[in-house]
Amino acid sequence: MNQLQFDASIAERDVVRYTPAGIPIVAARLQHQSEQMEAGIKRLVELDIAAVAAGEISGRFNQAALGSQFRFSGFLAKKNRNSKSLVFHIVDFEPVV
């Protein structure tokens, strides 16, 4: 199963673009920071990940405030067929309160 959920802020967001099939897509960079337990030791985890929101979710994502914290749900996939880079595909998100 390929599912990922984490809290992050929207660090950067591109303008909406459209696929040849007319599907809206918004590319972005998400930033995450948390403390995690690993081998019984607290570890500071920081990451910056490329993300995309496609279809209906792209409109809501495009309106979300930059810098605000959200809980994102989605999956990981290659950037393109020949790439080794991963992109997080946003399926849903909600504000973290």
Protein backbone atom coordinates (compact mmCIF):
# COMPACT_ATOMS: atom_id res chain seq x y z
CA MET A 1 0.00 0.00 0.00
CA ASN A 2 1.28 3.49 -0.86
CA GLN A 3 -0.29 5.96 1.58
CA LEU A 4 1.36 8.84 3.39
CA GLN A 5 -0.03 11.26 5.95
CA PHE A 6 1.94 14.03 7.65
CA ASP A 7 1.68 17.59 8.92
CA ALA A 8 3.45 20.26 6.91
CA SER A 9 3.27 23.88 5.82
CA ILE A 10 3.05 25.10 2.24
CA ALA A 11 6.43 26.73 1.62
CA GLU A 12 6.02 27.50 -2.11
CA ARG A 13 3.22 27.10 -4.61
CA ASP A 14 3.17 27.50 -8.40
CA VAL A 15 0.26 28.88 -10.40
CA VAL A 16 -2.42 26.48 -11.63
CA ARG A 17 -1.56 24.78 -14.90
CA TYR A 18 -3.61 22.35 -16.98
CA THR A 19 -2.75 18.96 -18.46
CA PRO A 20 -3.49 18.32 -22.14
CA ALA A 21 -6.68 16.61 -20.90
CA GLY A 22 -7.70 19.83 -19.11
CA ILE A 23 -7.04 18.65 -15.56
CA PRO A 24 -5.88 21.47 -13.23
CA ILE A 25 -2.60 20.84 -11.38
CA VAL A 26 -0.81 22.90 -8.73
CA ALA A 27 2.82 22.09 -7.89
CA ALA A 28 4.24 23.06 -4.49
CA ARG A 29 6.94 22.46 -1.88
CA LEU A 30 5.88 21.32 1.57
CA GLN A 31 8.01 21.68 4.72
CA HIS A 32 7.74 19.39 7.73
CA GLN A 33 9.43 19.49 11.13
CA SER A 34 8.79 17.15 14.07
CA GLU A 35 10.39 15.09 16.81
CA GLN A 36 10.27 11.32 16.25
CA MET A 37 11.40 8.39 18.37
CA GLU A 38 13.94 6.13 16.68
CA ALA A 39 15.72 3.31 18.51
CA GLY A 40 14.54 4.81 21.80
CA ILE A 41 16.07 8.23 21.06
CA LYS A 42 14.29 11.46 20.13
CA ARG A 43 15.27 12.66 16.68
CA LEU A 44 14.51 16.00 15.05
CA VAL A 45 13.10 15.36 11.58
CA GLU A 46 13.03 18.13 8.97
CA LEU A 47 12.10 17.64 5.35
CA ASP A 48 11.17 19.55 2.25
CA ILE A 49 9.16 17.61 -0.34
CA ALA A 50 7.82 18.33 -3.82
CA ALA A 51 4.05 17.95 -4.00
CA VAL A 52 1.23 18.22 -6.52
CA ALA A 53 -2.52 18.62 -6.17
CA ALA A 54 -4.50 17.53 -9.22
CA GLY A 55 -8.16 17.68 -10.14
CA GLU A 56 -10.82 18.99 -7.75
CA ILE A 57 -8.44 19.28 -4.77
CA SER A 58 -6.20 21.70 -6.71
CA GLY A 59 -8.68 24.58 -6.36
CA ARG A 60 -8.87 24.26 -2.58
CA PHE A 61 -5.11 23.75 -2.34
CA ASN A 62 -4.49 26.85 -4.47
CA GLN A 63 -6.52 28.93 -1.97
CA ALA A 64 -4.76 27.55 1.16
CA ALA A 65 -2.60 30.06 3.03
CA LEU A 66 1.15 29.81 2.49
CA GLY A 67 2.98 29.03 5.73
CA SER A 68 -0.07 27.55 7.45
CA GLN A 69 0.04 24.03 8.93
CA PHE A 70 -2.06 21.32 7.32
CA ARG A 71 -2.41 17.55 7.66
CA PHE A 72 -1.84 16.13 4.17
CA SER A 73 -2.90 12.71 2.91
CA GLY A 74 -1.75 11.20 -0.36
CA PHE A 75 0.77 8.93 -2.02
CA LEU A 76 4.29 8.98 -3.46
CA ALA A 77 5.11 8.51 -7.14
CA LYS A 78 8.04 9.14 -9.49
CA LYS A 79 8.24 12.66 -10.88
CA ASN A 80 8.04 11.13 -14.35
CA ARG A 81 8.59 7.74 -15.92
CA ASN A 82 12.40 8.03 -16.17
CA SER A 83 13.00 9.90 -12.91
CA LYS A 84 14.30 8.62 -9.59
CA SER A 85 12.87 11.67 -7.78
CA LEU A 86 9.64 11.27 -5.81
CA VAL A 87 6.66 13.62 -5.67
CA PHE A 88 3.94 13.60 -3.02
CA HIS A 89 0.48 13.55 -4.65
CA ILE A 90 -2.03 15.31 -2.39
CA VAL A 91 -5.37 13.53 -2.17
CA ASP A 92 -6.78 15.51 0.77
CA PHE A 93 -5.71 18.02 3.43
CA GLU A 94 -7.14 19.80 6.45
CA PRO A 95 -5.92 22.55 8.77
CA VAL A 96 -4.01 21.47 11.88
CA VAL A 97 -5.53 22.99 14.99
